[in-house]
Amino acid sequence: MRGPAGRHAPVLYAVSATCAAMGALLWVRGATGAPPRVYGDYLAADSYTPSLWRVWSRAVPDDRLGLYLVVAGLMLAVVTRLFLVRRR
């Protein structure tokens, strides 16, 4: 019979995968969202700015936060795996 670690493993893996997926999306968003380079582009962007909403703070860009989340997701998966191997 599997103990508590066996019951919680799928939840921890799901949290890890969600964290890594959100991090990858933020990283792609931060890496592909180049600022406008011409003054006319700034004027055009005033009417429609899809990325005004900040996920984190201005000190941490979206791409860096994405990398942090990917690393945290991978670390959680590794720690969960090591904990399961040790419990058996």
Protein backbone atom coordinates (compact mmCIF):
# COMPACT_ATOMS: atom_id res chain seq x y z
CA MET A 1 0.00 0.00 0.00
CA ARG A 2 1.32 3.41 -0.92
CA GLY A 3 1.77 5.98 1.81
CA PRO A 4 1.07 9.71 1.85
CA ALA A 5 4.00 10.43 -0.46
CA GLY A 6 2.43 8.29 -3.16
CA ARG A 7 -0.91 10.11 -2.92
CA HIS A 8 0.62 13.58 -3.09
CA ALA A 9 3.08 12.87 -5.90
CA PRO A 10 0.64 13.53 -8.78
CA VAL A 11 -0.36 16.84 -7.20
CA LEU A 12 3.28 17.90 -6.81
CA TYR A 13 4.06 16.89 -10.38
CA ALA A 14 1.02 18.83 -11.62
CA VAL A 15 2.12 21.93 -9.71
CA SER A 16 5.61 21.51 -11.12
CA ALA A 17 4.34 21.17 -14.69
CA THR A 18 2.02 24.16 -14.30
CA CYS A 19 4.82 26.28 -12.90
CA ALA A 20 7.16 25.32 -15.73
CA ALA A 21 4.50 25.92 -18.40
CA MET A 22 3.62 29.35 -17.04
CA GLY A 23 7.31 30.18 -16.84
CA ALA A 24 7.85 29.14 -20.44
CA LEU A 25 4.93 31.30 -21.59
CA LEU A 26 6.26 34.30 -19.66
CA TRP A 27 9.73 33.75 -21.04
CA VAL A 28 8.42 33.67 -24.60
CA ARG A 29 6.32 36.77 -23.95
CA GLY A 30 9.30 38.64 -22.56
CA ALA A 31 11.67 37.45 -25.26
CA THR A 32 9.42 38.30 -28.22
CA GLY A 33 7.91 41.56 -26.96
CA ALA A 34 10.38 44.04 -28.46
CA PRO A 35 9.76 47.72 -27.73
CA PRO A 36 8.94 49.99 -30.67
CA ARG A 37 12.01 51.56 -32.25
CA VAL A 38 10.47 54.44 -34.23
CA TYR A 39 8.54 57.39 -32.77
CA GLY A 40 5.58 56.63 -35.05
CA ASP A 41 5.43 53.14 -33.57
CA TYR A 42 5.11 54.69 -30.11
CA LEU A 43 2.16 56.75 -31.32
CA ALA A 44 0.53 53.69 -32.86
CA ALA A 45 1.10 51.72 -29.69
CA ASP A 46 -0.76 54.31 -27.60
CA SER A 47 -4.10 53.11 -28.91
CA TYR A 48 -3.40 49.41 -28.36
CA THR A 49 -0.89 48.15 -25.80
CA PRO A 50 -1.45 44.47 -25.00
CA SER A 51 1.34 44.11 -22.44
CA LEU A 52 0.76 47.02 -20.07
CA TRP A 53 -0.25 44.64 -17.31
CA ARG A 54 2.82 43.58 -15.37
CA VAL A 55 2.90 40.06 -13.94
CA TRP A 56 5.57 40.78 -11.36
CA SER A 57 7.35 44.03 -10.63
CA ARG A 58 9.25 46.43 -12.87
CA ALA A 59 12.52 45.26 -11.29
CA VAL A 60 12.06 41.71 -12.66
CA PRO A 61 11.25 41.52 -16.38
CA ASP A 62 8.78 38.93 -17.65
CA ASP A 63 11.45 36.82 -19.33
CA ARG A 64 13.54 36.58 -16.15
CA LEU A 65 10.46 35.70 -14.07
CA GLY A 66 9.65 33.04 -16.65
CA LEU A 67 13.09 31.50 -16.28
CA TYR A 68 12.73 31.56 -12.49
CA LEU A 69 9.41 29.73 -12.75
CA VAL A 70 10.82 27.12 -15.15
CA VAL A 71 13.73 26.46 -12.79
CA ALA A 72 11.37 26.29 -9.78
CA GLY A 73 9.14 23.82 -11.60
CA LEU A 74 12.07 21.61 -12.53
CA MET A 75 13.47 21.75 -9.01
CA LEU A 76 10.09 20.79 -7.53
CA ALA A 77 9.87 17.81 -9.90
CA VAL A 78 13.39 16.66 -9.00
CA VAL A 79 12.81 17.06 -5.26
CA THR A 80 9.52 15.15 -5.53
CA ARG A 81 11.24 12.35 -7.45
CA LEU A 82 14.09 12.14 -4.95
CA PHE A 83 11.67 12.12 -2.04
CA LEU A 84 9.65 9.31 -3.61
CA VAL A 85 12.75 7.21 -4.29
CA ARG A 86 13.96 7.70 -0.73
CA ARG A 87 10.57 6.77 0.79
CA ARG A 88 10.46 3.38 -0.98
